[in-house]
Amino acid sequence: MIFVVLGTHELPFTRLLREVEKQILNGNIQDEVIVQLGHTPYKSPYMKTIKFTSYENMERLYRDADLIITHGGTGSITTGVKMGKKMIAAPRLIKYGEHNDDHQLEIVHQFEKTGHILAWYDGDDLGEILKLAKDFKPVPFVSGKQEIISIIRNFINEHV
């Protein structure tokens, strides 16, 4: 199953859904596709859509997905990365009225650069990225929390 996540931002992200539907129609996607629409108005006979759902259901959909295609929001990306899921992230862009600025470009680029996700940028062929996703092994997420705690403890022990 492929889970498409558009998040809760109030602006629509139909560009991504049109591209996913195109990949279904040309045979590059043959799996069941479930879409969390948020505020994006979209109907398709090829995808199951839900506007919003509970945290528990979102978590279940993430866990059950073989591939997650998501907008470039930090929360949506980190949820999948922490689970070790194969992900393709697509930044929402201001030029298409999908967001208020282009900060998602930076977020997606950073996660892609560290090997946690694949990215679909404007002008890229999603079909090619889907082919890459078949063999993609995401770099496991390692939290820096323990390192930060250790630094703080050492500082306190040395200075207090």
N, C-alpha and C. Protein backbone atom coordinates (compact mmCIF):
# COMPACT_ATOMS: atom_id res chain seq x y z
N MET A 1 0.85 -1.18 0.00
CA MET A 1 0.00 0.00 0.00
C MET A 1 0.89 1.24 0.00
N ILE A 2 0.48 2.23 -0.76
CA ILE A 2 1.16 3.53 -0.78
C ILE A 2 0.27 4.51 -0.04
N PHE A 3 0.86 5.21 0.91
CA PHE A 3 0.14 6.21 1.69
C PHE A 3 0.65 7.58 1.28
N VAL A 4 -0.26 8.43 0.80
CA VAL A 4 0.08 9.79 0.39
C VAL A 4 -0.40 10.73 1.48
N VAL A 5 0.51 11.56 1.98
CA VAL A 5 0.22 12.45 3.11
C VAL A 5 0.35 13.91 2.66
N LEU A 6 -0.74 14.66 2.78
CA LEU A 6 -0.71 16.08 2.42
C LEU A 6 -0.72 17.00 3.63
N GLY A 7 -0.88 16.45 4.82
CA GLY A 7 -0.80 17.25 6.04
C GLY A 7 -2.05 18.08 6.27
N THR A 8 -1.86 19.15 7.06
CA THR A 8 -3.00 19.97 7.49
C THR A 8 -2.91 21.41 7.01
N HIS A 9 -1.91 21.75 6.19
CA HIS A 9 -1.80 23.13 5.70
C HIS A 9 -3.05 23.51 4.92
N GLU A 10 -3.48 24.75 5.08
CA GLU A 10 -4.76 25.17 4.50
C GLU A 10 -4.74 25.32 2.98
N LEU A 11 -3.57 25.39 2.36
CA LEU A 11 -3.51 25.53 0.91
C LEU A 11 -3.47 24.15 0.24
N PRO A 12 -4.11 24.01 -0.93
CA PRO A 12 -4.18 22.70 -1.58
C PRO A 12 -2.85 22.28 -2.23
N PHE A 13 -2.69 20.98 -2.40
CA PHE A 13 -1.50 20.42 -3.04
C PHE A 13 -1.93 19.42 -4.11
N THR A 14 -2.76 19.90 -5.05
CA THR A 14 -3.29 19.03 -6.10
C THR A 14 -2.21 18.58 -7.08
N ARG A 15 -1.15 19.35 -7.24
CA ARG A 15 -0.07 18.99 -8.18
C ARG A 15 0.47 17.59 -7.87
N LEU A 16 0.69 17.30 -6.60
CA LEU A 16 1.20 15.98 -6.22
C LEU A 16 0.18 14.89 -6.53
N LEU A 17 -1.09 15.14 -6.23
CA LEU A 17 -2.11 14.11 -6.47
C LEU A 17 -2.32 13.85 -7.96
N ARG A 18 -2.26 14.90 -8.76
CA ARG A 18 -2.37 14.70 -10.22
C ARG A 18 -1.22 13.81 -10.72
N GLU A 19 -0.03 14.03 -10.17
CA GLU A 19 1.12 13.23 -10.60
C GLU A 19 1.01 11.78 -10.12
N VAL A 20 0.54 11.57 -8.90
CA VAL A 20 0.34 10.21 -8.41
C VAL A 20 -0.70 9.50 -9.27
N GLU A 21 -1.80 10.18 -9.57
CA GLU A 21 -2.83 9.57 -10.41
C GLU A 21 -2.28 9.24 -11.80
N LYS A 22 -1.46 10.12 -12.35
CA LYS A 22 -0.82 9.86 -13.65
C LYS A 22 0.02 8.57 -13.58
N GLN A 23 0.73 8.37 -12.48
CA GLN A 23 1.57 7.18 -12.33
C GLN A 23 0.72 5.91 -12.19
N ILE A 24 -0.46 6.05 -11.60
CA ILE A 24 -1.40 4.92 -11.52
C ILE A 24 -1.87 4.56 -12.93
N LEU A 25 -2.28 5.58 -13.68
CA LEU A 25 -2.83 5.36 -15.01
C LEU A 25 -1.81 4.80 -15.99
N ASN A 26 -0.52 5.18 -15.83
CA ASN A 26 0.48 4.64 -16.76
C ASN A 26 1.14 3.36 -16.25
N GLY A 27 0.64 2.83 -15.12
CA GLY A 27 1.09 1.53 -14.63
C GLY A 27 2.30 1.52 -13.72
N ASN A 28 2.87 2.69 -13.43
CA ASN A 28 4.01 2.74 -12.51
C ASN A 28 3.62 2.50 -11.06
N ILE A 29 2.35 2.75 -10.75
CA ILE A 29 1.82 2.43 -9.42
C ILE A 29 0.71 1.41 -9.61
N GLN A 30 0.88 0.25 -8.98
CA GLN A 30 -0.14 -0.79 -9.06
C GLN A 30 -0.68 -1.14 -7.69
N ASP A 31 -0.08 -0.58 -6.65
CA ASP A 31 -0.52 -0.83 -5.28
C ASP A 31 -1.78 -0.02 -4.97
N GLU A 32 -2.45 -0.42 -3.89
CA GLU A 32 -3.53 0.40 -3.35
C GLU A 32 -2.93 1.72 -2.90
N VAL A 33 -3.64 2.83 -3.18
CA VAL A 33 -3.18 4.16 -2.76
C VAL A 33 -4.23 4.77 -1.85
N ILE A 34 -3.79 5.15 -0.66
CA ILE A 34 -4.64 5.84 0.31
C ILE A 34 -4.06 7.23 0.49
N VAL A 35 -4.92 8.25 0.40
CA VAL A 35 -4.48 9.64 0.48
C VAL A 35 -5.12 10.34 1.67
N GLN A 36 -4.29 10.98 2.48
CA GLN A 36 -4.76 11.89 3.53
C GLN A 36 -4.75 13.27 2.88
N LEU A 37 -5.94 13.78 2.55
CA LEU A 37 -6.08 14.99 1.75
C LEU A 37 -5.85 16.29 2.51
N GLY A 38 -6.21 16.33 3.78
CA GLY A 38 -6.20 17.62 4.47
C GLY A 38 -7.19 18.56 3.81
N HIS A 39 -6.72 19.74 3.45
CA HIS A 39 -7.58 20.76 2.84
C HIS A 39 -7.55 20.74 1.30
N THR A 40 -6.98 19.70 0.71
CA THR A 40 -6.90 19.62 -0.75
C THR A 40 -8.15 18.95 -1.30
N PRO A 41 -8.96 19.69 -2.08
CA PRO A 41 -10.15 19.07 -2.67
C PRO A 41 -9.73 18.21 -3.86
N TYR A 42 -9.98 16.91 -3.79
CA TYR A 42 -9.58 16.03 -4.88
C TYR A 42 -10.41 14.76 -4.81
N LYS A 43 -10.89 14.35 -5.95
CA LYS A 43 -11.63 13.09 -6.05
C LYS A 43 -10.97 12.25 -7.13
N SER A 44 -10.88 10.96 -6.86
CA SER A 44 -10.28 10.05 -7.83
C SER A 44 -10.88 8.66 -7.66
N PRO A 45 -11.23 8.01 -8.76
CA PRO A 45 -11.70 6.63 -8.65
C PRO A 45 -10.55 5.65 -8.41
N TYR A 46 -9.30 6.14 -8.48
CA TYR A 46 -8.13 5.27 -8.38
C TYR A 46 -7.46 5.30 -7.01
N MET A 47 -7.90 6.23 -6.15
CA MET A 47 -7.28 6.38 -4.83
C MET A 47 -8.36 6.51 -3.77
N LYS A 48 -8.12 5.88 -2.63
CA LYS A 48 -9.02 6.06 -1.49
C LYS A 48 -8.57 7.34 -0.77
N THR A 49 -9.52 8.24 -0.53
CA THR A 49 -9.15 9.52 0.09
C THR A 49 -9.86 9.71 1.42
N ILE A 50 -9.11 10.31 2.36
CA ILE A 50 -9.66 10.73 3.65
C ILE A 50 -9.15 12.14 3.90
N LYS A 51 -10.04 13.01 4.39
CA LYS A 51 -9.61 14.38 4.65
C LYS A 51 -8.67 14.43 5.85
N PHE A 52 -9.19 14.11 6.98
CA PHE A 52 -8.43 14.10 8.23
C PHE A 52 -8.77 12.81 8.96
N THR A 53 -7.89 12.41 9.86
CA THR A 53 -8.14 11.20 10.63
C THR A 53 -7.42 11.32 11.97
N SER A 54 -7.66 10.39 12.84
CA SER A 54 -7.06 10.43 14.17
C SER A 54 -5.55 10.17 14.10
N TYR A 55 -4.86 10.58 15.14
CA TYR A 55 -3.42 10.32 15.26
C TYR A 55 -3.16 8.81 15.19
N GLU A 56 -3.99 8.04 15.87
CA GLU A 56 -3.81 6.58 15.90
C GLU A 56 -3.97 5.97 14.51
N ASN A 57 -4.95 6.44 13.75
CA ASN A 57 -5.15 5.92 12.41
C ASN A 57 -4.01 6.34 11.48
N MET A 58 -3.53 7.58 11.63
CA MET A 58 -2.39 8.03 10.82
C MET A 58 -1.18 7.14 11.10
N GLU A 59 -0.94 6.88 12.37
CA GLU A 59 0.19 6.04 12.75
C GLU A 59 0.06 4.63 12.15
N ARG A 60 -1.15 4.09 12.17
CA ARG A 60 -1.40 2.77 11.59
C ARG A 60 -1.15 2.79 10.08
N LEU A 61 -1.62 3.84 9.41
CA LEU A 61 -1.42 3.94 7.96
C LEU A 61 0.07 4.05 7.63
N TYR A 62 0.80 4.83 8.42
CA TYR A 62 2.26 4.90 8.23
C TYR A 62 2.89 3.51 8.37
N ARG A 63 2.54 2.82 9.44
CA ARG A 63 3.12 1.50 9.71
C ARG A 63 2.79 0.51 8.58
N ASP A 64 1.55 0.55 8.09
CA ASP A 64 1.10 -0.42 7.09
C ASP A 64 1.62 -0.13 5.68
N ALA A 65 2.06 1.09 5.44
CA ALA A 65 2.47 1.49 4.09
C ALA A 65 3.80 0.85 3.70
N ASP A 66 3.88 0.43 2.44
CA ASP A 66 5.14 -0.03 1.86
C ASP A 66 5.96 1.17 1.39
N LEU A 67 5.26 2.24 1.01
CA LEU A 67 5.89 3.48 0.56
C LEU A 67 5.01 4.63 1.01
N ILE A 68 5.65 5.70 1.46
CA ILE A 68 4.93 6.91 1.83
C ILE A 68 5.37 8.02 0.90
N ILE A 69 4.40 8.68 0.29
CA ILE A 69 4.66 9.87 -0.53
C ILE A 69 4.06 11.03 0.24
N THR A 70 4.89 11.98 0.63
CA THR A 70 4.43 13.03 1.52
C THR A 70 4.81 14.42 1.03
N HIS A 71 4.07 15.40 1.51
CA HIS A 71 4.48 16.79 1.33
C HIS A 71 5.74 16.99 2.17
N GLY A 72 6.36 18.15 2.06
CA GLY A 72 7.65 18.37 2.73
C GLY A 72 7.57 18.89 4.14
N GLY A 73 6.49 18.62 4.85
CA GLY A 73 6.37 19.06 6.24
C GLY A 73 7.23 18.22 7.16
N THR A 74 7.86 18.89 8.12
CA THR A 74 8.78 18.20 9.04
C THR A 74 8.11 17.06 9.78
N GLY A 75 6.92 17.30 10.33
CA GLY A 75 6.24 16.26 11.11
C GLY A 75 5.91 15.04 10.27
N SER A 76 5.43 15.26 9.07
CA SER A 76 5.07 14.14 8.19
C SER A 76 6.30 13.33 7.79
N ILE A 77 7.40 14.03 7.52
CA ILE A 77 8.63 13.33 7.14
C ILE A 77 9.22 12.58 8.33
N THR A 78 9.35 13.26 9.47
CA THR A 78 10.01 12.61 10.61
C THR A 78 9.21 11.42 11.14
N THR A 79 7.90 11.46 11.02
CA THR A 79 7.09 10.31 11.45
C THR A 79 7.52 9.06 10.69
N GLY A 80 7.63 9.17 9.38
CA GLY A 80 8.03 8.02 8.57
C GLY A 80 9.50 7.66 8.73
N VAL A 81 10.36 8.66 8.82
CA VAL A 81 11.79 8.42 8.96
C VAL A 81 12.08 7.65 10.25
N LYS A 82 11.42 8.05 11.34
CA LYS A 82 11.63 7.36 12.62
C LYS A 82 11.17 5.90 12.57
N MET A 83 10.21 5.61 11.68
CA MET A 83 9.74 4.22 11.51
C MET A 83 10.59 3.45 10.51
N GLY A 84 11.54 4.13 9.88
CA GLY A 84 12.38 3.47 8.88
C GLY A 84 11.68 3.19 7.57
N LYS A 85 10.65 3.99 7.26
CA LYS A 85 9.85 3.75 6.06
C LYS A 85 10.53 4.33 4.81
N LYS A 86 10.26 3.69 3.67
CA LYS A 86 10.65 4.26 2.39
C LYS A 86 9.74 5.45 2.14
N MET A 87 10.35 6.59 1.83
CA MET A 87 9.55 7.80 1.64
C MET A 87 10.03 8.59 0.42
N ILE A 88 9.06 9.19 -0.25
CA ILE A 88 9.32 10.20 -1.27
C ILE A 88 8.66 11.46 -0.76
N ALA A 89 9.43 12.54 -0.62
CA ALA A 89 8.87 13.80 -0.14
C ALA A 89 8.86 14.81 -1.28
N ALA A 90 7.76 15.55 -1.36
CA ALA A 90 7.56 16.56 -2.40
C ALA A 90 7.31 17.91 -1.73
N PRO A 91 8.20 18.87 -1.91
CA PRO A 91 7.98 20.16 -1.28
C PRO A 91 6.83 20.93 -1.92
N ARG A 92 5.99 21.50 -1.08
CA ARG A 92 4.98 22.44 -1.55
C ARG A 92 5.71 23.71 -1.98
N LEU A 93 5.24 24.35 -3.05
CA LEU A 93 5.92 25.53 -3.57
C LEU A 93 5.01 26.75 -3.60
N ILE A 94 5.59 27.90 -3.29
CA ILE A 94 4.83 29.15 -3.29
C ILE A 94 4.35 29.50 -4.71
N LYS A 95 5.16 29.20 -5.73
CA LYS A 95 4.80 29.60 -7.10
C LYS A 95 3.52 28.92 -7.59
N TYR A 96 3.14 27.81 -6.97
CA TYR A 96 1.90 27.12 -7.32
C TYR A 96 0.79 27.37 -6.31
N GLY A 97 1.02 28.27 -5.36
CA GLY A 97 0.02 28.56 -4.34
C GLY A 97 -0.18 27.43 -3.36
N GLU A 98 0.86 26.62 -3.14
CA GLU A 98 0.76 25.46 -2.26
C GLU A 98 1.22 25.76 -0.84
N HIS A 99 1.94 26.87 -0.68
CA HIS A 99 2.43 27.27 0.65
C HIS A 99 2.72 28.76 0.63
N ASN A 100 3.05 29.30 1.81
CA ASN A 100 3.32 30.72 1.95
C ASN A 100 4.76 31.08 1.62
N ASP A 101 5.65 30.10 1.62
CA ASP A 101 7.05 30.29 1.25
C ASP A 101 7.61 28.93 0.81
N ASP A 102 8.90 28.89 0.51
CA ASP A 102 9.49 27.66 -0.01
C ASP A 102 10.37 26.92 1.01
N HIS A 103 10.04 27.05 2.29
CA HIS A 103 10.86 26.38 3.31
C HIS A 103 10.87 24.86 3.17
N GLN A 104 9.83 24.29 2.57
CA GLN A 104 9.81 22.83 2.42
C GLN A 104 10.91 22.33 1.48
N LEU A 105 11.36 23.19 0.57
CA LEU A 105 12.49 22.81 -0.28
C LEU A 105 13.72 22.49 0.56
N GLU A 106 13.99 23.34 1.55
CA GLU A 106 15.15 23.15 2.42
C GLU A 106 15.00 21.89 3.27
N ILE A 107 13.80 21.69 3.80
CA ILE A 107 13.54 20.52 4.65
C ILE A 107 13.75 19.24 3.85
N VAL A 108 13.13 19.16 2.68
CA VAL A 108 13.23 17.96 1.85
C VAL A 108 14.68 17.74 1.42
N HIS A 109 15.36 18.80 1.02
CA HIS A 109 16.75 18.68 0.58
C HIS A 109 17.63 18.11 1.69
N GLN A 110 17.44 18.58 2.92
CA GLN A 110 18.26 18.11 4.04
C GLN A 110 18.02 16.62 4.32
N PHE A 111 16.76 16.22 4.36
CA PHE A 111 16.47 14.80 4.61
C PHE A 111 16.95 13.91 3.46
N GLU A 112 16.88 14.43 2.23
CA GLU A 112 17.38 13.68 1.08
C GLU A 112 18.91 13.56 1.15
N LYS A 113 19.57 14.67 1.48
CA LYS A 113 21.03 14.70 1.54
C LYS A 113 21.58 13.71 2.57
N THR A 114 20.84 13.50 3.65
CA THR A 114 21.29 12.58 4.70
C THR A 114 20.88 11.13 4.42
N GLY A 115 20.20 10.90 3.29
CA GLY A 115 19.86 9.53 2.89
C GLY A 115 18.63 8.95 3.55
N HIS A 116 17.84 9.80 4.20
CA HIS A 116 16.64 9.31 4.88
C HIS A 116 15.45 9.13 3.94
N ILE A 117 15.41 9.92 2.87
CA ILE A 117 14.26 9.92 1.96
C ILE A 117 14.73 10.09 0.52
N LEU A 118 13.81 9.87 -0.40
CA LEU A 118 13.96 10.29 -1.79
C LEU A 118 13.12 11.55 -1.95
N ALA A 119 13.44 12.36 -2.95
CA ALA A 119 12.71 13.61 -3.14
C ALA A 119 12.14 13.68 -4.55
N TRP A 120 10.98 14.31 -4.64
CA TRP A 120 10.38 14.63 -5.94
C TRP A 120 10.30 16.14 -6.02
N TYR A 121 11.18 16.72 -6.85
CA TYR A 121 11.21 18.16 -7.04
C TYR A 121 10.47 18.53 -8.31
N ASP A 122 10.04 19.77 -8.39
CA ASP A 122 9.35 20.29 -9.56
C ASP A 122 10.17 19.98 -10.82
N GLY A 123 9.54 19.37 -11.78
CA GLY A 123 10.21 19.03 -13.03
C GLY A 123 10.76 17.61 -13.07
N ASP A 124 10.88 16.95 -11.92
CA ASP A 124 11.34 15.56 -11.87
C ASP A 124 10.24 14.62 -12.37
N ASP A 125 10.65 13.47 -12.85
CA ASP A 125 9.72 12.42 -13.28
C ASP A 125 9.44 11.51 -12.09
N LEU A 126 8.24 11.57 -11.55
CA LEU A 126 7.89 10.75 -10.40
C LEU A 126 8.02 9.27 -10.72
N GLY A 127 7.76 8.89 -11.95
CA GLY A 127 7.92 7.49 -12.35
C GLY A 127 9.34 6.99 -12.12
N GLU A 128 10.32 7.81 -12.43
CA GLU A 128 11.73 7.44 -12.21
C GLU A 128 12.04 7.32 -10.72
N ILE A 129 11.49 8.21 -9.93
CA ILE A 129 11.74 8.17 -8.49
C ILE A 129 11.06 6.95 -7.87
N LEU A 130 9.89 6.59 -8.38
CA LEU A 130 9.23 5.37 -7.91
C LEU A 130 10.09 4.13 -8.21
N LYS A 131 10.76 4.13 -9.36
CA LYS A 131 11.66 3.01 -9.68
C LYS A 131 12.82 2.96 -8.69
N LEU A 132 13.39 4.12 -8.35
CA LEU A 132 14.47 4.18 -7.37
C LEU A 132 14.00 3.70 -6.00
N ALA A 133 12.75 3.99 -5.68
CA ALA A 133 12.21 3.64 -4.36
C ALA A 133 12.16 2.13 -4.14
N LYS A 134 12.04 1.37 -5.21
CA LYS A 134 11.95 -0.09 -5.07
C LYS A 134 13.16 -0.66 -4.33
N ASP A 135 14.35 -0.15 -4.63
CA ASP A 135 15.58 -0.66 -4.01
C ASP A 135 16.15 0.28 -2.94
N PHE A 136 15.46 1.37 -2.67
CA PHE A 136 15.96 2.36 -1.72
C PHE A 136 15.97 1.81 -0.30
N LYS A 137 17.07 1.99 0.38
CA LYS A 137 17.20 1.61 1.79
C LYS A 137 17.47 2.89 2.57
N PRO A 138 16.47 3.40 3.28
CA PRO A 138 16.69 4.66 4.00
C PRO A 138 17.73 4.51 5.11
N VAL A 139 18.54 5.54 5.26
CA VAL A 139 19.50 5.58 6.36
C VAL A 139 18.70 5.64 7.66
N PRO A 140 19.00 4.75 8.61
CA PRO A 140 18.24 4.77 9.88
C PRO A 140 18.37 6.11 10.60
N PHE A 141 17.28 6.52 11.20
CA PHE A 141 17.27 7.78 11.96
C PHE A 141 17.91 7.56 13.32
N VAL A 142 18.84 8.42 13.66
CA VAL A 142 19.47 8.37 14.97
C VAL A 142 19.22 9.71 15.65
N SER A 143 18.52 9.67 16.74
CA SER A 143 18.22 10.89 17.49
C SER A 143 19.49 11.40 18.16
N GLY A 144 19.67 12.70 18.18
CA GLY A 144 20.79 13.31 18.88
C GLY A 144 20.46 13.64 20.32
N LYS A 145 19.29 13.19 20.78
CA LYS A 145 18.83 13.56 22.12
C LYS A 145 19.80 13.11 23.21
N GLN A 146 20.27 11.88 23.15
CA GLN A 146 21.17 11.37 24.20
C GLN A 146 22.48 12.13 24.21
N GLU A 147 22.97 12.50 23.05
CA GLU A 147 24.21 13.27 22.97
C GLU A 147 24.03 14.65 23.60
N ILE A 148 22.91 15.28 23.35
CA ILE A 148 22.62 16.59 23.94
C ILE A 148 22.52 16.47 25.46
N ILE A 149 21.83 15.45 25.93
CA ILE A 149 21.71 15.23 27.38
C ILE A 149 23.09 15.04 28.00
N SER A 150 23.94 14.28 27.33
CA SER A 150 25.29 14.03 27.83
C SER A 150 26.10 15.33 27.91
N ILE A 151 26.00 16.17 26.90
CA ILE A 151 26.71 17.45 26.89
C ILE A 151 26.24 18.32 28.05
N ILE A 152 24.94 18.37 28.26
CA ILE A 152 24.38 19.18 29.36
C ILE A 152 24.83 18.63 30.70
N ARG A 153 24.78 17.31 30.87
CA ARG A 153 25.23 16.70 32.13
C ARG A 153 26.70 17.02 32.41
N ASN A 154 27.53 16.87 31.38
CA ASN A 154 28.96 17.16 31.55
C ASN A 154 29.18 18.62 31.93
N PHE A 155 28.45 19.51 31.30
CA PHE A 155 28.57 20.93 31.62
C PHE A 155 28.18 21.19 33.07
N ILE A 156 27.06 20.62 33.50
CA ILE A 156 26.59 20.80 34.88
C ILE A 156 27.62 20.23 35.86
N ASN A 157 28.12 19.04 35.57
CA ASN A 157 29.09 18.41 36.47
C ASN A 157 30.39 19.22 36.57
N GLU A 158 30.79 19.86 35.49
CA GLU A 158 32.03 20.63 35.49
C GLU A 158 31.86 22.03 36.07
N HIS A 159 30.68 22.60 35.99
CA HIS A 159 30.50 24.01 36.34
C HIS A 159 29.57 24.27 37.52
N VAL A 160 28.96 23.27 38.05
CA VAL A 160 28.02 23.50 39.16
C VAL A 160 28.54 22.83 40.42
